[in-house]
Amino acid sequence: MSTFDKVRAIILELGKKNITPEMITPEARFVEDLGFDSLNMTETLVLGEAAFSTSFDLKDLQKLFTVAMAVDYIDKKLGK
């Protein structure tokens, strides 16, 4: 499973009723397009750490505005 697919699964796991798989594209913005708030971002952080077996710096995550930015960050963190 690709990093993008794992990130998509994490976003869907949050259970936000208004988010469909089709909405989760690399260009999708967390706040503007997916309706994320700070709680959703924190939940994503926790689920992401479990899914990728690593820890993320909250300060870094605050700079990630799109799904593609998150995927790139994770890939770099994991050395891909």
PDB file of N, CA and C in Angstrom:
ATOM      1  N   MET A   1       0.860  -1.177   0.000  1.00  0.00           N
ATOM      2  CA  MET A   1       0.000   0.000   0.000  1.00  0.00           C
ATOM      3  C   MET A   1       0.905   1.239   0.000  1.00  0.00           C
ATOM      4  N   SER A   2       0.603   2.187  -0.856  1.00  0.00           N
ATOM      5  CA  SER A   2       1.406   3.406  -0.952  1.00  0.00           C
ATOM      6  C   SER A   2       1.142   4.326   0.231  1.00  0.00           C
ATOM      7  N   THR A   3       2.036   5.269   0.409  1.00  0.00           N
ATOM      8  CA  THR A   3       1.853   6.256   1.477  1.00  0.00           C
ATOM      9  C   THR A   3       0.548   7.009   1.269  1.00  0.00           C
ATOM     10  N   PHE A   4       0.271   7.400   0.028  1.00  0.00           N
ATOM     11  CA  PHE A   4      -0.976   8.110  -0.262  1.00  0.00           C
ATOM     12  C   PHE A   4      -2.183   7.270   0.141  1.00  0.00           C
ATOM     13  N   ASP A   5      -2.168   5.978  -0.189  1.00  0.00           N
ATOM     14  CA  ASP A   5      -3.295   5.109   0.158  1.00  0.00           C
ATOM     15  C   ASP A   5      -3.474   5.004   1.670  1.00  0.00           C
ATOM     16  N   LYS A   6      -2.365   4.935   2.401  1.00  0.00           N
ATOM     17  CA  LYS A   6      -2.454   4.885   3.870  1.00  0.00           C
ATOM     18  C   LYS A   6      -3.012   6.193   4.427  1.00  0.00           C
ATOM     19  N   VAL A   7      -2.553   7.324   3.891  1.00  0.00           N
ATOM     20  CA  VAL A   7      -3.066   8.621   4.350  1.00  0.00           C
ATOM     21  C   VAL A   7      -4.557   8.720   4.051  1.00  0.00           C
ATOM     22  N   ARG A   8      -4.961   8.297   2.865  1.00  0.00           N
ATOM     23  CA  ARG A   8      -6.390   8.313   2.509  1.00  0.00           C
ATOM     24  C   ARG A   8      -7.179   7.459   3.505  1.00  0.00           C
ATOM     25  N   ALA A   9      -6.680   6.282   3.833  1.00  0.00           N
ATOM     26  CA  ALA A   9      -7.370   5.395   4.775  1.00  0.00           C
ATOM     27  C   ALA A   9      -7.487   6.042   6.154  1.00  0.00           C
ATOM     28  N   ILE A  10      -6.435   6.732   6.577  1.00  0.00           N
ATOM     29  CA  ILE A  10      -6.466   7.418   7.873  1.00  0.00           C
ATOM     30  C   ILE A  10      -7.532   8.501   7.870  1.00  0.00           C
ATOM     31  N   ILE A  11      -7.576   9.281   6.814  1.00  0.00           N
ATOM     32  CA  ILE A  11      -8.573  10.348   6.724  1.00  0.00           C
ATOM     33  C   ILE A  11      -9.981   9.759   6.762  1.00  0.00           C
ATOM     34  N   LEU A  12     -10.199   8.677   6.037  1.00  0.00           N
ATOM     35  CA  LEU A  12     -11.518   8.041   6.037  1.00  0.00           C
ATOM     36  C   LEU A  12     -11.842   7.422   7.390  1.00  0.00           C
ATOM     37  N   GLU A  13     -10.822   6.940   8.082  1.00  0.00           N
ATOM     38  CA  GLU A  13     -11.016   6.331   9.402  1.00  0.00           C
ATOM     39  C   GLU A  13     -11.535   7.340  10.425  1.00  0.00           C
ATOM     40  N   LEU A  14     -11.236   8.617  10.207  1.00  0.00           N
ATOM     41  CA  LEU A  14     -11.709   9.647  11.138  1.00  0.00           C
ATOM     42  C   LEU A  14     -13.231   9.690  11.184  1.00  0.00           C
ATOM     43  N   GLY A  15     -13.874   9.238  10.108  1.00  0.00           N
ATOM     44  CA  GLY A  15     -15.324   9.141  10.102  1.00  0.00           C
ATOM     45  C   GLY A  15     -16.068  10.436   9.874  1.00  0.00           C
ATOM     46  N   LYS A  16     -15.389  11.432   9.291  1.00  0.00           N
ATOM     47  CA  LYS A  16     -16.123  12.662   8.959  1.00  0.00           C
ATOM     48  C   LYS A  16     -17.115  12.331   7.848  1.00  0.00           C
ATOM     49  N   LYS A  17     -18.371  12.503   8.119  1.00  0.00           N
ATOM     50  CA  LYS A  17     -19.428  12.059   7.211  1.00  0.00           C
ATOM     51  C   LYS A  17     -19.406  12.759   5.852  1.00  0.00           C
ATOM     52  N   ASN A  18     -18.876  13.948   5.812  1.00  0.00           N
ATOM     53  CA  ASN A  18     -18.904  14.701   4.556  1.00  0.00           C
ATOM     54  C   ASN A  18     -17.724  14.381   3.639  1.00  0.00           C
ATOM     55  N   ILE A  19     -16.800  13.521   4.067  1.00  0.00           N
ATOM     56  CA  ILE A  19     -15.632  13.201   3.253  1.00  0.00           C
ATOM     57  C   ILE A  19     -15.834  11.861   2.558  1.00  0.00           C
ATOM     58  N   THR A  20     -15.698  11.894   1.233  1.00  0.00           N
ATOM     59  CA  THR A  20     -15.771  10.678   0.441  1.00  0.00           C
ATOM     60  C   THR A  20     -14.372  10.356  -0.088  1.00  0.00           C
ATOM     61  N   PRO A  21     -14.109   9.113  -0.456  1.00  0.00           N
ATOM     62  CA  PRO A  21     -12.788   8.768  -0.990  1.00  0.00           C
ATOM     63  C   PRO A  21     -12.392   9.626  -2.194  1.00  0.00           C
ATOM     64  N   GLU A  22     -13.350   9.981  -3.004  1.00  0.00           N
ATOM     65  CA  GLU A  22     -13.067  10.779  -4.197  1.00  0.00           C
ATOM     66  C   GLU A  22     -12.567  12.186  -3.863  1.00  0.00           C
ATOM     67  N   MET A  23     -12.917  12.680  -2.698  1.00  0.00           N
ATOM     68  CA  MET A  23     -12.492  14.020  -2.276  1.00  0.00           C
ATOM     69  C   MET A  23     -11.029  14.051  -1.860  1.00  0.00           C
ATOM     70  N   ILE A  24     -10.480  12.891  -1.515  1.00  0.00           N
ATOM     71  CA  ILE A  24      -9.115  12.829  -0.989  1.00  0.00           C
ATOM     72  C   ILE A  24      -8.150  12.630  -2.154  1.00  0.00           C
ATOM     73  N   THR A  25      -7.698  13.738  -2.681  1.00  0.00           N
ATOM     74  CA  THR A  25      -6.740  13.748  -3.783  1.00  0.00           C
ATOM     75  C   THR A  25      -5.441  14.364  -3.266  1.00  0.00           C
ATOM     76  N   PRO A  26      -4.345  14.226  -3.996  1.00  0.00           N
ATOM     77  CA  PRO A  26      -3.112  14.871  -3.553  1.00  0.00           C
ATOM     78  C   PRO A  26      -3.264  16.382  -3.367  1.00  0.00           C
ATOM     79  N   GLU A  27      -4.101  16.994  -4.181  1.00  0.00           N
ATOM     80  CA  GLU A  27      -4.272  18.447  -4.124  1.00  0.00           C
ATOM     81  C   GLU A  27      -5.232  18.905  -3.031  1.00  0.00           C
ATOM     82  N   ALA A  28      -5.960  17.982  -2.421  1.00  0.00           N
ATOM     83  CA  ALA A  28      -6.957  18.335  -1.407  1.00  0.00           C
ATOM     84  C   ALA A  28      -6.295  19.024  -0.223  1.00  0.00           C
ATOM     85  N   ARG A  29      -6.878  20.153   0.172  1.00  0.00           N
ATOM     86  CA  ARG A  29      -6.391  20.908   1.327  1.00  0.00           C
ATOM     87  C   ARG A  29      -7.171  20.447   2.554  1.00  0.00           C
ATOM     88  N   PHE A  30      -6.447  20.219   3.640  1.00  0.00           N
ATOM     89  CA  PHE A  30      -7.075  19.684   4.844  1.00  0.00           C
ATOM     90  C   PHE A  30      -8.199  20.573   5.370  1.00  0.00           C
ATOM     91  N   VAL A  31      -7.948  21.835   5.516  1.00  0.00           N
ATOM     92  CA  VAL A  31      -8.944  22.734   6.110  1.00  0.00           C
ATOM     93  C   VAL A  31     -10.007  23.133   5.086  1.00  0.00           C
ATOM     94  N   GLU A  32      -9.578  23.699   3.978  1.00  0.00           N
ATOM     95  CA  GLU A  32     -10.510  24.254   3.005  1.00  0.00           C
ATOM     96  C   GLU A  32     -11.345  23.203   2.287  1.00  0.00           C
ATOM     97  N   ASP A  33     -10.735  22.084   1.900  1.00  0.00           N
ATOM     98  CA  ASP A  33     -11.447  21.088   1.101  1.00  0.00           C
ATOM     99  C   ASP A  33     -12.051  19.958   1.927  1.00  0.00           C
ATOM    100  N   LEU A  34     -11.357  19.554   2.989  1.00  0.00           N
ATOM    101  CA  LEU A  34     -11.816  18.419   3.778  1.00  0.00           C
ATOM    102  C   LEU A  34     -12.469  18.830   5.096  1.00  0.00           C
ATOM    103  N   GLY A  35     -12.424  20.118   5.421  1.00  0.00           N
ATOM    104  CA  GLY A  35     -13.101  20.625   6.609  1.00  0.00           C
ATOM    105  C   GLY A  35     -12.448  20.248   7.928  1.00  0.00           C
ATOM    106  N   PHE A  36     -11.136  20.013   7.901  1.00  0.00           N
ATOM    107  CA  PHE A  36     -10.433  19.647   9.128  1.00  0.00           C
ATOM    108  C   PHE A  36     -10.321  20.828  10.075  1.00  0.00           C
ATOM    109  N   ASP A  37     -10.373  20.516  11.371  1.00  0.00           N
ATOM    110  CA  ASP A  37     -10.074  21.503  12.405  1.00  0.00           C
ATOM    111  C   ASP A  37      -8.883  20.964  13.216  1.00  0.00           C
ATOM    112  N   SER A  38      -8.517  21.647  14.267  1.00  0.00           N
ATOM    113  CA  SER A  38      -7.331  21.231  15.029  1.00  0.00           C
ATOM    114  C   SER A  38      -7.505  19.845  15.654  1.00  0.00           C
ATOM    115  N   LEU A  39      -8.711  19.496  16.060  1.00  0.00           N
ATOM    116  CA  LEU A  39      -8.950  18.169  16.622  1.00  0.00           C
ATOM    117  C   LEU A  39      -8.741  17.094  15.561  1.00  0.00           C
ATOM    118  N   ASN A  40      -9.260  17.326  14.353  1.00  0.00           N
ATOM    119  CA  ASN A  40      -9.065  16.362  13.266  1.00  0.00           C
ATOM    120  C   ASN A  40      -7.585  16.187  12.944  1.00  0.00           C
ATOM    121  N   MET A  41      -6.836  17.269  12.961  1.00  0.00           N
ATOM    122  CA  MET A  41      -5.404  17.189  12.668  1.00  0.00           C
ATOM    123  C   MET A  41      -4.686  16.382  13.752  1.00  0.00           C
ATOM    124  N   THR A  42      -5.074  16.576  15.008  1.00  0.00           N
ATOM    125  CA  THR A  42      -4.461  15.823  16.098  1.00  0.00           C
ATOM    126  C   THR A  42      -4.801  14.336  15.986  1.00  0.00           C
ATOM    127  N   GLU A  43      -6.046  14.030  15.668  1.00  0.00           N
ATOM    128  CA  GLU A  43      -6.453  12.634  15.483  1.00  0.00           C
ATOM    129  C   GLU A  43      -5.683  12.006  14.324  1.00  0.00           C
ATOM    130  N   THR A  44      -5.485  12.763  13.256  1.00  0.00           N
ATOM    131  CA  THR A  44      -4.729  12.277  12.106  1.00  0.00           C
ATOM    132  C   THR A  44      -3.291  11.993  12.505  1.00  0.00           C
ATOM    133  N   LEU A  45      -2.721  12.855  13.327  1.00  0.00           N
ATOM    134  CA  LEU A  45      -1.359  12.663  13.824  1.00  0.00           C
ATOM    135  C   LEU A  45      -1.249  11.340  14.582  1.00  0.00           C
ATOM    136  N   VAL A  46      -2.165  11.095  15.494  1.00  0.00           N
ATOM    137  CA  VAL A  46      -2.128   9.881  16.311  1.00  0.00           C
ATOM    138  C   VAL A  46      -2.297   8.633  15.429  1.00  0.00           C
ATOM    139  N   LEU A  47      -3.266   8.665  14.533  1.00  0.00           N
ATOM    140  CA  LEU A  47      -3.493   7.521  13.644  1.00  0.00           C
ATOM    141  C   LEU A  47      -2.303   7.321  12.701  1.00  0.00           C
ATOM    142  N   GLY A  48      -1.723   8.428  12.234  1.00  0.00           N
ATOM    143  CA  GLY A  48      -0.569   8.342  11.344  1.00  0.00           C
ATOM    144  C   GLY A  48       0.643   7.748  12.029  1.00  0.00           C
ATOM    145  N   GLU A  49       0.870   8.126  13.259  1.00  0.00           N
ATOM    146  CA  GLU A  49       2.005   7.570  14.004  1.00  0.00           C
ATOM    147  C   GLU A  49       1.852   6.055  14.159  1.00  0.00           C
ATOM    148  N   ALA A  50       0.637   5.608  14.405  1.00  0.00           N
ATOM    149  CA  ALA A  50       0.391   4.173  14.539  1.00  0.00           C
ATOM    150  C   ALA A  50       0.542   3.467  13.190  1.00  0.00           C
ATOM    151  N   ALA A  51      -0.010   4.051  12.141  1.00  0.00           N
ATOM    152  CA  ALA A  51       0.017   3.424  10.817  1.00  0.00           C
ATOM    153  C   ALA A  51       1.423   3.321  10.243  1.00  0.00           C
ATOM    154  N   PHE A  52       2.255   4.316  10.531  1.00  0.00           N
ATOM    155  CA  PHE A  52       3.600   4.355   9.954  1.00  0.00           C
ATOM    156  C   PHE A  52       4.693   3.979  10.962  1.00  0.00           C
ATOM    157  N   SER A  53       4.286   3.603  12.163  1.00  0.00           N
ATOM    158  CA  SER A  53       5.227   3.177  13.220  1.00  0.00           C
ATOM    159  C   SER A  53       6.365   4.178  13.415  1.00  0.00           C
ATOM    160  N   THR A  54       6.003   5.431  13.546  1.00  0.00           N
ATOM    161  CA  THR A  54       6.983   6.492  13.768  1.00  0.00           C
ATOM    162  C   THR A  54       6.307   7.619  14.534  1.00  0.00           C
ATOM    163  N   SER A  55       7.064   8.610  14.915  1.00  0.00           N
ATOM    164  CA  SER A  55       6.470   9.781  15.564  1.00  0.00           C
ATOM    165  C   SER A  55       6.657  10.988  14.652  1.00  0.00           C
ATOM    166  N   PHE A  56       5.727  11.899  14.743  1.00  0.00           N
ATOM    167  CA  PHE A  56       5.764  13.114  13.937  1.00  0.00           C
ATOM    168  C   PHE A  56       5.838  14.323  14.853  1.00  0.00           C
ATOM    169  N   ASP A  57       6.511  15.335  14.403  1.00  0.00           N
ATOM    170  CA  ASP A  57       6.628  16.580  15.150  1.00  0.00           C
ATOM    171  C   ASP A  57       5.418  17.451  14.830  1.00  0.00           C
ATOM    172  N   LEU A  58       4.658  17.805  15.853  1.00  0.00           N
ATOM    173  CA  LEU A  58       3.450  18.603  15.663  1.00  0.00           C
ATOM    174  C   LEU A  58       3.759  19.912  14.958  1.00  0.00           C
ATOM    175  N   LYS A  59       4.910  20.506  15.232  1.00  0.00           N
ATOM    176  CA  LYS A  59       5.274  21.762  14.568  1.00  0.00           C
ATOM    177  C   LYS A  59       5.433  21.568  13.063  1.00  0.00           C
ATOM    178  N   ASP A  60       5.972  20.425  12.667  1.00  0.00           N
ATOM    179  CA  ASP A  60       6.095  20.126  11.239  1.00  0.00           C
ATOM    180  C   ASP A  60       4.723  19.951  10.604  1.00  0.00           C
ATOM    181  N   LEU A  61       3.840  19.246  11.298  1.00  0.00           N
ATOM    182  CA  LEU A  61       2.532  18.965  10.737  1.00  0.00           C
ATOM    183  C   LEU A  61       1.700  20.222  10.541  1.00  0.00           C
ATOM    184  N   GLN A  62       1.947  21.236  11.330  1.00  0.00           N
ATOM    185  CA  GLN A  62       1.209  22.488  11.187  1.00  0.00           C
ATOM    186  C   GLN A  62       1.549  23.212   9.886  1.00  0.00           C
ATOM    187  N   LYS A  63       2.606  22.760   9.211  1.00  0.00           N
ATOM    188  CA  LYS A  63       3.028  23.360   7.948  1.00  0.00           C
ATOM    189  C   LYS A  63       2.529  22.569   6.745  1.00  0.00           C
ATOM    190  N   LEU A  64       1.798  21.502   6.992  1.00  0.00           N
ATOM    191  CA  LEU A  64       1.302  20.650   5.910  1.00  0.00           C
ATOM    192  C   LEU A  64      -0.145  21.023   5.607  1.00  0.00           C
ATOM    193  N   PHE A  65      -0.350  21.580   4.434  1.00  0.00           N
ATOM    194  CA  PHE A  65      -1.679  22.092   4.093  1.00  0.00           C
ATOM    195  C   PHE A  65      -2.452  21.194   3.145  1.00  0.00           C
ATOM    196  N   THR A  66      -1.749  20.330   2.403  1.00  0.00           N
ATOM    197  CA  THR A  66      -2.422  19.450   1.447  1.00  0.00           C
ATOM    198  C   THR A  66      -2.065  17.995   1.724  1.00  0.00           C
ATOM    199  N   VAL A  67      -2.843  17.113   1.145  1.00  0.00           N
ATOM    200  CA  VAL A  67      -2.565  15.686   1.284  1.00  0.00           C
ATOM    201  C   VAL A  67      -1.190  15.370   0.695  1.00  0.00           C
ATOM    202  N   ALA A  68      -0.860  15.947  -0.447  1.00  0.00           N
ATOM    203  CA  ALA A  68       0.444  15.712  -1.077  1.00  0.00           C
ATOM    204  C   ALA A  68       1.589  16.153  -0.176  1.00  0.00           C
ATOM    205  N   MET A  69       1.432  17.262   0.509  1.00  0.00           N
ATOM    206  CA  MET A  69       2.470  17.726   1.432  1.00  0.00           C
ATOM    207  C   MET A  69       2.653  16.726   2.566  1.00  0.00           C
ATOM    208  N   ALA A  70       1.565  16.158   3.056  1.00  0.00           N
ATOM    209  CA  ALA A  70       1.644  15.166   4.126  1.00  0.00           C
ATOM    210  C   ALA A  70       2.337  13.897   3.627  1.00  0.00           C
ATOM    211  N   VAL A  71       1.985  13.453   2.427  1.00  0.00           N
ATOM    212  CA  VAL A  71       2.598  12.255   1.849  1.00  0.00           C
ATOM    213  C   VAL A  71       4.099  12.469   1.677  1.00  0.00           C
ATOM    214  N   ASP A  72       4.490  13.613   1.139  1.00  0.00           N
ATOM    215  CA  ASP A  72       5.913  13.917   0.955  1.00  0.00           C
ATOM    216  C   ASP A  72       6.649  13.942   2.294  1.00  0.00           C
ATOM    217  N   TYR A  73       6.048  14.561   3.300  1.00  0.00           N
ATOM    218  CA  TYR A  73       6.649  14.628   4.636  1.00  0.00           C
ATOM    219  C   TYR A  73       6.877  13.220   5.194  1.00  0.00           C
ATOM    220  N   ILE A  74       5.862  12.374   5.085  1.00  0.00           N
ATOM    221  CA  ILE A  74       5.962  11.016   5.613  1.00  0.00           C
ATOM    222  C   ILE A  74       7.033  10.231   4.859  1.00  0.00           C
ATOM    223  N   ASP A  75       7.038  10.343   3.536  1.00  0.00           N
ATOM    224  CA  ASP A  75       8.045   9.634   2.747  1.00  0.00           C
ATOM    225  C   ASP A  75       9.456  10.055   3.132  1.00  0.00           C
ATOM    226  N   LYS A  76       9.665  11.347   3.336  1.00  0.00           N
ATOM    227  CA  LYS A  76      10.996  11.829   3.748  1.00  0.00           C
ATOM    228  C   LYS A  76      11.329  11.319   5.146  1.00  0.00           C
ATOM    229  N   LYS A  77      10.349  11.340   6.031  1.00  0.00           N
ATOM    230  CA  LYS A  77      10.557  10.872   7.408  1.00  0.00           C
ATOM    231  C   LYS A  77      10.949   9.393   7.423  1.00  0.00           C
ATOM    232  N   LEU A  78      10.371   8.617   6.514  1.00  0.00           N
ATOM    233  CA  LEU A  78      10.639   7.189   6.454  1.00  0.00           C
ATOM    234  C   LEU A  78      11.798   6.839   5.532  1.00  0.00           C
ATOM    235  N   GLY A  79      12.394   7.862   4.929  1.00  0.00           N
ATOM    236  CA  GLY A  79      13.542   7.628   4.059  1.00  0.00           C
ATOM    237  C   GLY A  79      13.205   7.041   2.712  1.00  0.00           C
ATOM    238  N   LYS A  80      12.014   7.302   2.214  1.00  0.00           N
ATOM    239  CA  LYS A  80      11.601   6.775   0.895  1.00  0.00           C
ATOM    240  C   LYS A  80      11.987   7.728  -0.214  1.00  0.00           C
TER     241      LYS A  80
END
